[in-house]
C-alpha atoms as a PDB file:
ATOM      1  CA  MET A   1      -5.391 -15.024  10.907  1.00  0.00           C
ATOM      2  CA  TYR A   2      -6.033 -16.215  14.359  1.00  0.00           C
ATOM      3  CA  THR A   3      -5.905 -13.038  16.074  1.00  0.00           C
ATOM      4  CA  GLU A   4      -7.519 -11.096  13.349  1.00  0.00           C
ATOM      5  CA  TYR A   5     -10.521 -14.250  13.157  1.00  0.00           C
ATOM      6  CA  LEU A   6     -10.958 -14.681  17.582  1.00  0.00           C
ATOM      7  CA  PHE A   7     -13.887 -12.598  18.210  1.00  0.00           C
ATOM      8  CA  LEU A   8     -16.361 -13.725  15.026  1.00  0.00           C
ATOM      9  CA  SER A   9     -15.191 -17.266  15.751  1.00  0.00           C
ATOM     10  CA  THR A  10     -15.919 -17.467  18.671  1.00  0.00           C
ATOM     11  CA  ASN A  11     -19.233 -15.425  18.610  1.00  0.00           C
ATOM     12  CA  LEU A  12     -20.368 -17.724  15.522  1.00  0.00           C
ATOM     13  CA  LYS A  13     -19.066 -20.870  17.923  1.00  0.00           C
ATOM     14  CA  ALA A  14     -21.615 -19.596  20.882  1.00  0.00           C
ATOM     15  CA  LYS A  15     -24.386 -19.003  18.359  1.00  0.00           C
ATOM     16  CA  LEU A  16     -23.951 -22.615  16.865  1.00  0.00           C
ATOM     17  CA  PRO A  17     -25.991 -24.330  19.620  1.00  0.00           C
ATOM     18  CA  LYS A  18     -29.116 -22.210  18.563  1.00  0.00           C
ATOM     19  CA  LEU A  19     -29.272 -24.683  15.553  1.00  0.00           C
ATOM     20  CA  LEU A  20     -31.843 -26.973  15.794  1.00  0.00           C
ATOM     21  CA  ASP A  21     -30.891 -30.642  17.465  1.00  0.00           C
ATOM     22  CA  LYS A  22     -31.691 -33.792  17.440  1.00  0.00           C
ATOM     23  CA  ARG A  23     -34.933 -33.054  19.737  1.00  0.00           C
ATOM     24  CA  GLN A  24     -35.890 -29.788  18.118  1.00  0.00           C
ATOM     25  CA  TRP A  25     -36.111 -31.739  15.078  1.00  0.00           C
ATOM     26  CA  GLU A  26     -38.313 -35.207  16.105  1.00  0.00           C
ATOM     27  CA  VAL A  27     -40.910 -32.162  17.447  1.00  0.00           C
ATOM     28  CA  ILE A  28     -41.179 -30.196  13.932  1.00  0.00           C
ATOM     29  CA  LEU A  29     -41.128 -33.890  11.778  1.00  0.00           C
ATOM     30  CA  SER A  30     -43.862 -34.528  14.333  1.00  0.00           C
ATOM     31  CA  SER A  31     -46.104 -31.419  14.713  1.00  0.00           C
ATOM     32  CA  ASP A  32     -48.365 -30.122  12.652  1.00  0.00           C
ATOM     33  CA  LEU A  33     -48.248 -27.028  10.401  1.00  0.00           C
ATOM     34  CA  GLY A  34     -49.662 -24.400  13.067  1.00  0.00           C
ATOM     35  CA  ASP A  35     -47.555 -26.062  15.936  1.00  0.00           C
ATOM     36  CA  ILE A  36     -44.099 -25.388  13.598  1.00  0.00           C
ATOM     37  CA  TYR A  37     -44.801 -21.892  12.787  1.00  0.00           C
ATOM     38  CA  SER A  38     -45.482 -21.287  16.786  1.00  0.00           C
ATOM     39  CA  LEU A  39     -41.983 -22.935  17.349  1.00  0.00           C
ATOM     40  CA  LEU A  40     -39.904 -21.240  14.520  1.00  0.00           C
ATOM     41  CA  LYS A  41     -40.834 -18.005  15.875  1.00  0.00           C
ATOM     42  CA  GLU A  42     -39.032 -18.127  18.675  1.00  0.00           C
ATOM     43  CA  THR A  43     -35.992 -19.332  16.782  1.00  0.00           C
ATOM     44  CA  ILE A  44     -33.450 -17.056  15.198  1.00  0.00           C
ATOM     45  CA  TYR A  45     -35.801 -18.990  11.822  1.00  0.00           C
ATOM     46  CA  ALA A  46     -38.493 -16.475  12.553  1.00  0.00           C
ATOM     47  CA  PRO A  47     -38.191 -15.151   8.384  1.00  0.00           C
ATOM     48  CA  LEU A  48     -38.905 -18.165   6.926  1.00  0.00           C
ATOM     49  CA  LEU A  49     -42.704 -17.608   7.618  1.00  0.00           C
ATOM     50  CA  GLU A  50     -41.714 -15.399   4.986  1.00  0.00           C
ATOM     51  CA  GLY A  51     -40.785 -18.355   2.317  1.00  0.00           C
ATOM     52  CA  TYR A  52     -38.124 -18.037   0.183  1.00  0.00           C
ATOM     53  CA  SER A  53     -37.889 -14.572   0.974  1.00  0.00           C
ATOM     54  CA  GLY A  54     -37.101 -14.946   4.533  1.00  0.00           C
ATOM     55  CA  PHE A  55     -34.413 -17.275   3.914  1.00  0.00           C
ATOM     56  CA  LEU A  56     -32.572 -14.449   1.708  1.00  0.00           C
ATOM     57  CA  LYS A  57     -33.313 -12.046   4.319  1.00  0.00           C
ATOM     58  CA  VAL A  58     -31.876 -14.092   6.684  1.00  0.00           C
ATOM     59  CA  LEU A  59     -28.810 -14.899   5.015  1.00  0.00           C
ATOM     60  CA  TYR A  60     -28.325 -11.136   3.788  1.00  0.00           C
ATOM     61  CA  GLU A  61     -28.126  -9.806   7.426  1.00  0.00           C
ATOM     62  CA  ASP A  62     -26.170 -12.658   8.080  1.00  0.00           C
ATOM     63  CA  LEU A  63     -23.683 -11.819   5.306  1.00  0.00           C
ATOM     64  CA  LYS A  64     -23.573  -7.910   6.812  1.00  0.00           C
ATOM     65  CA  VAL A  65     -22.231  -8.944   9.707  1.00  0.00           C
ATOM     66  CA  ILE A  66     -19.479 -11.080   8.806  1.00  0.00           C
ATOM     67  CA  SER A  67     -17.818  -8.592   6.395  1.00  0.00           C
ATOM     68  CA  ASN A  68     -16.800  -6.550   9.170  1.00  0.00           C
ATOM     69  CA  THR A  69     -14.138  -9.416   9.801  1.00  0.00           C
ATOM     70  CA  VAL A  70     -14.036 -11.437   6.938  1.00  0.00           C
ATOM     71  CA  LYS A  71     -12.208  -9.963   3.726  1.00  0.00           C
ATOM     72  CA  TYR A  72     -11.596 -10.668   0.337  1.00  0.00           C
ATOM     73  CA  PRO A  73     -11.630 -13.115  -0.804  1.00  0.00           C
ATOM     74  CA  TYR A  74     -13.243 -15.787   1.885  1.00  0.00           C
ATOM     75  CA  TRP A  75     -15.918 -13.270   2.069  1.00  0.00           C
ATOM     76  CA  ASP A  76     -16.643 -13.178  -1.403  1.00  0.00           C
ATOM     77  CA  LEU A  77     -16.959 -16.854  -1.350  1.00  0.00           C
ATOM     78  CA  MET A  78     -19.708 -16.891   0.561  1.00  0.00           C
ATOM     79  CA  LEU A  79     -21.724 -14.133  -0.804  1.00  0.00           C
ATOM     80  CA  PHE A  80     -21.460 -15.642  -4.259  1.00  0.00           C
ATOM     81  CA  GLU A  81     -23.221 -18.770  -2.742  1.00  0.00           C
ATOM     82  CA  PHE A  82     -26.061 -16.037  -1.492  1.00  0.00           C
ATOM     83  CA  LEU A  83     -25.898 -14.724  -5.168  1.00  0.00           C
ATOM     84  CA  THR A  84     -26.523 -18.119  -6.588  1.00  0.00           C
ATOM     85  CA  HIS A  85     -29.536 -18.405  -4.580  1.00  0.00           C
ATOM     86  CA  ASP A  86     -30.713 -14.792  -5.491  1.00  0.00           C
ATOM     87  CA  VAL A  87     -29.811 -15.022  -9.181  1.00  0.00           C
ATOM     88  CA  ARG A  88     -31.592 -19.064  -9.200  1.00  0.00           C
ATOM     89  CA  ASN A  89     -34.851 -17.472  -7.594  1.00  0.00           C
ATOM     90  CA  GLU A  90     -34.466 -14.425  -9.998  1.00  0.00           C
ATOM     91  CA  ILE A  91     -34.504 -16.533 -13.604  1.00  0.00           C
ATOM     92  CA  LEU A  92     -37.061 -18.525 -11.896  1.00  0.00           C
ATOM     93  CA  GLN A  93     -39.371 -16.995 -10.142  1.00  0.00           C
ATOM     94  CA  LEU A  94     -39.353 -18.240  -6.771  1.00  0.00           C
ATOM     95  CA  GLU A  95     -40.950 -15.360  -5.347  1.00  0.00           C
ATOM     96  CA  LYS A  96     -42.806 -12.532  -6.556  1.00  0.00           C
ATOM     97  CA  GLU A  97     -41.098  -9.853  -5.048  1.00  0.00           C
ATOM     98  CA  LYS A  98     -37.323  -9.045  -5.113  1.00  0.00           C
ATOM     99  CA  MET A  99     -35.510  -8.241  -2.280  1.00  0.00           C
ATOM    100  CA  GLU A 100     -33.660  -5.117  -2.533  1.00  0.00           C
ATOM    101  CA  ILE A 101     -29.886  -6.251  -2.337  1.00  0.00           C
ATOM    102  CA  SER A 102     -26.990  -3.627  -1.798  1.00  0.00           C
ATOM    103  CA  PHE A 103     -23.337  -5.433  -0.750  1.00  0.00           C
ATOM    104  CA  ASN A 104     -20.613  -2.155  -1.584  1.00  0.00           C
ATOM    105  CA  PHE A 105     -18.051  -2.285   0.545  1.00  0.00           C
ATOM    106  CA  LEU A 106     -14.212  -1.069  -0.273  1.00  0.00           C
ATOM    107  CA  TYR A 107     -12.795  -4.614  -0.617  1.00  0.00           C
ATOM    108  CA  GLY A 108     -13.110  -7.702  -3.125  1.00  0.00           C
ATOM    109  CA  LYS A 109     -15.701  -7.639  -5.637  1.00  0.00           C
ATOM    110  CA  THR A 110     -19.101  -5.461  -5.201  1.00  0.00           C
ATOM    111  CA  TYR A 111     -22.415  -7.848  -5.431  1.00  0.00           C
ATOM    112  CA  LYS A 112     -23.486  -6.110  -8.295  1.00  0.00           C
ATOM    113  CA  GLU A 113     -20.504  -7.106 -10.327  1.00  0.00           C
ATOM    114  CA  LEU A 114     -20.835 -10.825  -9.373  1.00  0.00           C
ATOM    115  CA  LYS A 115     -24.614 -10.970 -10.625  1.00  0.00           C
ATOM    116  CA  ILE A 116     -23.854  -9.064 -13.375  1.00  0.00           C
ATOM    117  CA  LYS A 117     -20.700 -11.361 -14.496  1.00  0.00           C
ATOM    118  CA  LEU A 118     -23.242 -14.372 -13.571  1.00  0.00           C
ATOM    119  CA  SER A 119     -26.011 -13.665 -15.041  1.00  0.00           C
ATOM    120  CA  SER A 120     -24.788 -12.362 -18.256  1.00  0.00           C
ATOM    121  CA  LYS A 121     -23.373 -16.706 -18.393  1.00  0.00           C
ATOM    122  CA  ILE A 122     -27.129 -17.547 -17.994  1.00  0.00           C
ATOM    123  CA  GLN A 123     -29.881 -15.392 -19.288  1.00  0.00           C
ATOM    124  CA  LYS A 124     -29.128 -15.113 -22.712  1.00  0.00           C
ATOM    125  CA  ILE A 125     -29.743 -19.434 -23.082  1.00  0.00           C
ATOM    126  CA  SER A 126     -32.018 -19.203 -20.417  1.00  0.00           C
ATOM    127  CA  GLN A 127     -34.502 -17.256 -22.638  1.00  0.00           C
ATOM    128  CA  GLN A 128     -34.714 -20.250 -25.387  1.00  0.00           C
ATOM    129  CA  VAL A 129     -35.926 -22.614 -22.483  1.00  0.00           C
ATOM    130  CA  SER A 130     -39.241 -22.515 -20.865  1.00  0.00           C
ATOM    131  CA  ASP A 131     -38.267 -26.340 -19.042  1.00  0.00           C
ATOM    132  CA  VAL A 132     -37.766 -25.949 -15.347  1.00  0.00           C
ATOM    133  CA  GLY A 133     -35.014 -29.117 -15.721  1.00  0.00           C
ATOM    134  CA  TRP A 134     -33.197 -27.382 -18.561  1.00  0.00           C
ATOM    135  CA  LEU A 135     -33.411 -23.546 -16.642  1.00  0.00           C
ATOM    136  CA  ASN A 136     -31.841 -25.253 -13.389  1.00  0.00           C
ATOM    137  CA  ILE A 137     -28.652 -26.917 -15.412  1.00  0.00           C
ATOM    138  CA  ILE A 138     -28.423 -24.495 -17.076  1.00  0.00           C
ATOM    139  CA  ILE A 139     -27.976 -21.853 -14.182  1.00  0.00           C
ATOM    140  CA  ASP A 140     -26.064 -24.466 -12.488  1.00  0.00           C
ATOM    141  CA  PHE A 141     -23.153 -24.510 -15.698  1.00  0.00           C
ATOM    142  CA  GLY A 142     -23.338 -20.666 -15.416  1.00  0.00           C
ATOM    143  CA  ILE A 143     -22.488 -21.078 -11.541  1.00  0.00           C
ATOM    144  CA  LEU A 144     -19.560 -23.728 -12.088  1.00  0.00           C
ATOM    145  CA  GLU A 145     -18.156 -21.479 -14.604  1.00  0.00           C
ATOM    146  CA  ALA A 146     -18.020 -17.959 -12.889  1.00  0.00           C
ATOM    147  CA  SER A 147     -17.188 -20.149  -9.598  1.00  0.00           C
ATOM    148  CA  LYS A 148     -13.592 -20.825 -10.792  1.00  0.00           C
ATOM    149  CA  ASP A 149     -12.777 -17.174 -10.995  1.00  0.00           C
ATOM    150  CA  LEU A 150     -13.201 -17.101  -7.466  1.00  0.00           C
ATOM    151  CA  LEU A 151     -10.260 -19.369  -5.967  1.00  0.00           C
ATOM    152  CA  LYS A 152      -7.573 -18.129  -7.497  1.00  0.00           C
ATOM    153  CA  ASP A 153      -6.508 -16.023  -4.154  1.00  0.00           C
ATOM    154  CA  VAL A 154      -7.738 -18.460  -1.716  1.00  0.00           C
ATOM    155  CA  GLU A 155      -4.638 -18.892  -0.197  1.00  0.00           C
ATOM    156  CA  ASN A 156      -6.261 -21.426   3.724  1.00  0.00           C
ATOM    157  CA  THR A 157      -5.874 -24.517   2.280  1.00  0.00           C
ATOM    158  CA  LYS A 158      -8.623 -26.319   3.714  1.00  0.00           C
ATOM    159  CA  VAL A 159     -11.667 -23.895   2.375  1.00  0.00           C
ATOM    160  CA  ARG A 160      -9.630 -24.101  -1.352  1.00  0.00           C
ATOM    161  CA  ASP A 161     -10.497 -28.233  -1.346  1.00  0.00           C
ATOM    162  CA  PHE A 162     -13.441 -27.405   0.117  1.00  0.00           C
ATOM    163  CA  VAL A 163     -14.607 -25.488  -3.185  1.00  0.00           C
ATOM    164  CA  ILE A 164     -12.850 -27.725  -4.966  1.00  0.00           C
ATOM    165  CA  LEU A 165     -14.965 -30.522  -3.945  1.00  0.00           C
ATOM    166  CA  LYS A 166     -17.956 -27.910  -4.183  1.00  0.00           C
ATOM    167  CA  ASN A 167     -17.295 -27.393  -7.944  1.00  0.00           C
ATOM    168  CA  LYS A 168     -16.613 -31.525  -8.319  1.00  0.00           C
ATOM    169  CA  LEU A 169     -20.158 -32.030  -7.270  1.00  0.00           C
ATOM    170  CA  ASN A 170     -22.072 -29.549  -8.798  1.00  0.00           C
ATOM    171  CA  PHE A 171     -20.453 -30.872 -11.976  1.00  0.00           C
ATOM    172  CA  MET A 172     -21.501 -34.071 -11.379  1.00  0.00           C
ATOM    173  CA  LYS A 173     -24.949 -33.803 -11.080  1.00  0.00           C
ATOM    174  CA  ILE A 174     -24.962 -31.468 -13.916  1.00  0.00           C
ATOM    175  CA  GLU A 175     -23.773 -34.501 -15.557  1.00  0.00           C
ATOM    176  CA  THR A 176     -25.660 -37.260 -14.168  1.00  0.00           C
ATOM    177  CA  ARG A 177     -28.855 -34.834 -14.987  1.00  0.00           C
ATOM    178  CA  ILE A 178     -27.992 -34.394 -18.554  1.00  0.00           C
ATOM    179  CA  GLU A 179     -27.471 -38.650 -18.452  1.00  0.00           C
ATOM    180  CA  LYS A 180     -31.236 -38.766 -18.049  1.00  0.00           C
ATOM    181  CA  THR A 181     -32.714 -35.891 -20.011  1.00  0.00           C
ATOM    182  CA  PRO A 182     -33.812 -36.697 -23.550  1.00  0.00           C
ATOM    183  CA  TYR A 183     -31.628 -34.766 -26.621  1.00  0.00           C
ATOM    184  CA  ALA A 184     -29.256 -33.581 -23.875  1.00  0.00           C
ATOM    185  CA  LEU A 185     -26.024 -33.694 -25.869  1.00  0.00           C
ATOM    186  CA  GLU A 186     -28.215 -31.908 -29.315  1.00  0.00           C
ATOM    187  CA  PHE A 187     -29.644 -29.059 -27.092  1.00  0.00           C
ATOM    188  CA  LEU A 188     -26.008 -28.405 -25.261  1.00  0.00           C
ATOM    189  CA  ARG A 189     -24.126 -28.391 -28.716  1.00  0.00           C
ATOM    190  CA  LYS A 190     -27.178 -25.473 -30.064  1.00  0.00           C
ATOM    191  CA  ILE A 191     -26.343 -23.802 -27.001  1.00  0.00           C
ATOM    192  CA  ASN A 192     -22.358 -24.110 -27.253  1.00  0.00           C
ATOM    193  CA  LEU A 193     -21.916 -26.089 -23.891  1.00  0.00           C
ATOM    194  CA  ASP A 194     -18.988 -28.178 -23.596  1.00  0.00           C
ATOM    195  CA  LEU A 195     -18.857 -31.093 -21.182  1.00  0.00           C
ATOM    196  CA  THR A 196     -15.437 -31.677 -22.191  1.00  0.00           C
ATOM    197  CA  SER A 197     -13.542 -28.835 -20.302  1.00  0.00           C
ATOM    198  CA  TYR A 198     -15.373 -29.569 -17.811  1.00  0.00           C
ATOM    199  CA  LYS A 199     -14.608 -33.531 -17.183  1.00  0.00           C
ATOM    200  CA  ILE A 200     -10.590 -32.378 -17.786  1.00  0.00           C
ATOM    201  CA  LEU A 201     -11.172 -29.589 -14.974  1.00  0.00           C
ATOM    202  CA  TYR A 202     -13.066 -32.032 -12.314  1.00  0.00           C
ATOM    203  CA  GLU A 203     -12.310 -35.632 -13.313  1.00  0.00           C
ATOM    204  CA  ASP A 204     -12.350 -37.829 -10.255  1.00  0.00           C
ATOM    205  CA  GLU A 205     -13.353 -41.298 -10.794  1.00  0.00           C
ATOM    206  CA  GLU A 206     -13.359 -42.483  -7.325  1.00  0.00           C
ATOM    207  CA  LEU A 207     -15.445 -39.914  -6.689  1.00  0.00           C
ATOM    208  CA  ARG A 208     -17.608 -40.032  -9.215  1.00  0.00           C
ATOM    209  CA  GLN A 209     -18.280 -44.057  -8.778  1.00  0.00           C
ATOM    210  CA  LYS A 210     -18.965 -43.007  -5.375  1.00  0.00           C
ATOM    211  CA  PHE A 211     -21.156 -40.474  -6.054  1.00  0.00           C
ATOM    212  CA  LEU A 212     -23.050 -42.508  -8.278  1.00  0.00           C
ATOM    213  CA  GLU A 213     -23.578 -45.442  -6.244  1.00  0.00           C
ATOM    214  CA  ASP A 214     -25.133 -43.199  -3.443  1.00  0.00           C
ATOM    215  CA  SER A 215     -27.797 -40.872  -6.047  1.00  0.00           C
ATOM    216  CA  LYS A 216     -29.231 -44.241  -5.957  1.00  0.00           C
ATOM    217  CA  ILE A 217     -30.483 -43.714  -2.550  1.00  0.00           C
ATOM    218  CA  TYR A 218     -30.861 -39.833  -2.357  1.00  0.00           C
ATOM    219  CA  ASP A 219     -30.990 -36.986  -4.360  1.00  0.00           C
ATOM    220  CA  PRO A 220     -28.024 -35.333  -5.934  1.00  0.00           C
ATOM    221  CA  ASP A 221     -28.733 -32.095  -4.004  1.00  0.00           C
ATOM    222  CA  ILE A 222     -28.860 -33.547  -0.648  1.00  0.00           C
ATOM    223  CA  LEU A 223     -25.976 -35.580  -1.579  1.00  0.00           C
ATOM    224  CA  ILE A 224     -23.815 -32.662  -2.808  1.00  0.00           C
ATOM    225  CA  LYS A 225     -24.646 -31.584   1.035  1.00  0.00           C
ATOM    226  CA  LYS A 226     -23.680 -34.442   2.841  1.00  0.00           C
ATOM    227  CA  TYR A 227     -20.485 -34.704   0.930  1.00  0.00           C
ATOM    228  CA  LEU A 228     -19.747 -31.285   1.889  1.00  0.00           C
ATOM    229  CA  TYR A 229     -20.866 -30.953   5.422  1.00  0.00           C
ATOM    230  CA  SER A 230     -18.941 -34.474   6.111  1.00  0.00           C
ATOM    231  CA  TYR A 231     -15.877 -32.218   4.289  1.00  0.00           C
ATOM    232  CA  MET A 232     -16.657 -29.773   6.966  1.00  0.00           C
ATOM    233  CA  SER A 233     -16.861 -31.703  10.032  1.00  0.00           C
ATOM    234  CA  LYS A 234     -13.576 -33.051   9.872  1.00  0.00           C
ATOM    235  CA  ASN A 235     -11.811 -29.898   8.411  1.00  0.00           C
ATOM    236  CA  PHE A 236     -14.085 -26.746  10.324  1.00  0.00           C
ATOM    237  CA  LYS A 237     -15.585 -27.888  12.731  1.00  0.00           C
ATOM    238  CA  ASN A 238     -12.667 -28.177  15.502  1.00  0.00           C
ATOM    239  CA  VAL A 239     -10.440 -24.913  14.129  1.00  0.00           C
ATOM    240  CA  VAL A 240     -10.309 -22.508  16.835  1.00  0.00           C
ATOM    241  CA  SER A 241     -10.058 -19.059  14.308  1.00  0.00           C
ATOM    242  CA  GLY A 242     -10.291 -18.048  10.880  1.00  0.00           C
ATOM    243  CA  PRO A 243     -12.588 -18.663   8.011  1.00  0.00           C
ATOM    244  CA  GLU A 244     -13.614 -22.212   8.444  1.00  0.00           C
ATOM    245  CA  VAL A 245     -15.206 -21.112  11.419  1.00  0.00           C
ATOM    246  CA  VAL A 246     -17.137 -18.796   9.499  1.00  0.00           C
ATOM    247  CA  PHE A 247     -17.799 -20.896   6.872  1.00  0.00           C
ATOM    248  CA  TYR A 248     -18.839 -23.762   9.112  1.00  0.00           C
ATOM    249  CA  TYR A 249     -21.616 -21.238  10.456  1.00  0.00           C
ATOM    250  CA  PHE A 250     -22.428 -20.135   6.863  1.00  0.00           C
ATOM    251  CA  TYR A 251     -22.887 -23.164   5.668  1.00  0.00           C
ATOM    252  CA  ALA A 252     -24.601 -25.263   8.203  1.00  0.00           C
ATOM    253  CA  LYS A 253     -27.299 -22.398   9.113  1.00  0.00           C
ATOM    254  CA  MET A 254     -27.746 -21.389   5.156  1.00  0.00           C
ATOM    255  CA  TRP A 255     -28.356 -25.764   4.711  1.00  0.00           C
ATOM    256  CA  GLU A 256     -30.665 -26.073   8.200  1.00  0.00           C
ATOM    257  CA  MET A 257     -32.980 -23.110   6.614  1.00  0.00           C
ATOM    258  CA  GLU A 258     -33.136 -24.980   3.296  1.00  0.00           C
ATOM    259  CA  ASP A 259     -33.891 -28.119   5.422  1.00  0.00           C
ATOM    260  CA  LEU A 260     -36.388 -26.101   6.999  1.00  0.00           C
ATOM    261  CA  LEU A 261     -38.241 -24.467   3.801  1.00  0.00           C
ATOM    262  CA  PHE A 262     -37.896 -27.961   2.547  1.00  0.00           C
ATOM    263  CA  LEU A 263     -40.083 -29.585   5.444  1.00  0.00           C
ATOM    264  CA  LEU A 264     -42.736 -26.826   5.429  1.00  0.00           C
ATOM    265  CA  GLU A 265     -43.499 -27.130   1.801  1.00  0.00           C
ATOM    266  CA  ASN A 266     -44.057 -30.916   1.732  1.00  0.00           C
ATOM    267  CA  LYS A 267     -46.188 -30.529   5.616  1.00  0.00           C
ATOM    268  CA  LYS A 268     -48.114 -27.916   3.410  1.00  0.00           C
ATOM    269  CA  MET A 269     -49.183 -30.603   1.325  1.00  0.00           C
ATOM    270  CA  ARG A 270     -49.379 -33.046   2.804  1.00  0.00           C
ATOM    271  CA  ILE A 271     -47.107 -35.436   1.990  1.00  0.00           C
ATOM    272  CA  PRO A 272     -46.562 -38.292   4.180  1.00  0.00           C
ATOM    273  CA  LYS A 273     -43.311 -37.980   5.848  1.00  0.00           C
ATOM    274  CA  GLU A 274     -41.750 -41.131   4.715  1.00  0.00           C
ATOM    275  CA  TYR A 275     -41.359 -39.982   1.525  1.00  0.00           C
ATOM    276  CA  TRP A 276     -39.786 -37.113   1.700  1.00  0.00           C
ATOM    277  CA  GLU A 277     -37.601 -37.287   4.906  1.00  0.00           C
ATOM    278  CA  ARG A 278     -34.206 -38.570   3.358  1.00  0.00           C
ATOM    279  CA  GLY A 279     -33.977 -35.388   1.797  1.00  0.00           C
ATOM    280  CA  LEU A 280     -33.488 -33.546   5.041  1.00  0.00           C
ATOM    281  CA  LEU A 281     -29.667 -32.731   5.924  1.00  0.00           C
ATOM    282  CA  ARG A 282     -30.384 -32.270   9.924  1.00  0.00           C
ATOM    283  CA  VAL A 283     -26.920 -30.740  10.938  1.00  0.00           C
ATOM    284  CA  ASN A 284     -26.760 -29.954  13.927  1.00  0.00           C
ATOM    285  CA  GLU A 285     -27.724 -33.043  15.616  1.00  0.00           C
END
């Protein structure tokens, strides 16, 4: 595995300094929208000026490059991460234009197969719901259920533990949001979603207590990223060659783009940064 991943790992490590550093973040945070656009045009994130569709395009192009070296099941895990964004975009209609996406390779599962599997778990239930909060919960449940199948052939312990941690955290996010939602249990029974089986699968009381305490300060979505980035920094960042390097680059870049989209949206609405700056991960500082 070391030799197989060596070239790609070296190439991706060379790209890591191109992520935004502390100085660039400070400039962006203090700049107006026009200046931010000008700055981003000179970076790898120029497509983000197109909005969410630009975000998907960047991930799509990265995955095509990564697929030349990374094979099943590790490429499929990153593909699934992209897929969850694409499906959420489609169901919530975040963008009016849909991307034409085709991931058909000779190994693993095709993009179409994965998307059908995930969408089928979500579409039927989502048709009964109009509330965006509930739609997101249902999508999260579908993602959690579908992601279990992707772990069975993952032999790399660090990557496997990363995915398990991600699933645990995503379930905790769902659970805390349901607890704050009126008539949640009645609605779950109506759509035949049972929390008990998920609790058994993802039970981790120590992590749960820490998550609940930290969620008093941070939104669950940014909190999950913080936990996962902390895990990656300890377990992926210093690996010389292997799928861990690819995972680190893929997620670091994806989260930085999400940061920028979040920042741009708040800047457009002229919301003072003290209200939203805590929602940024800023991975490369």
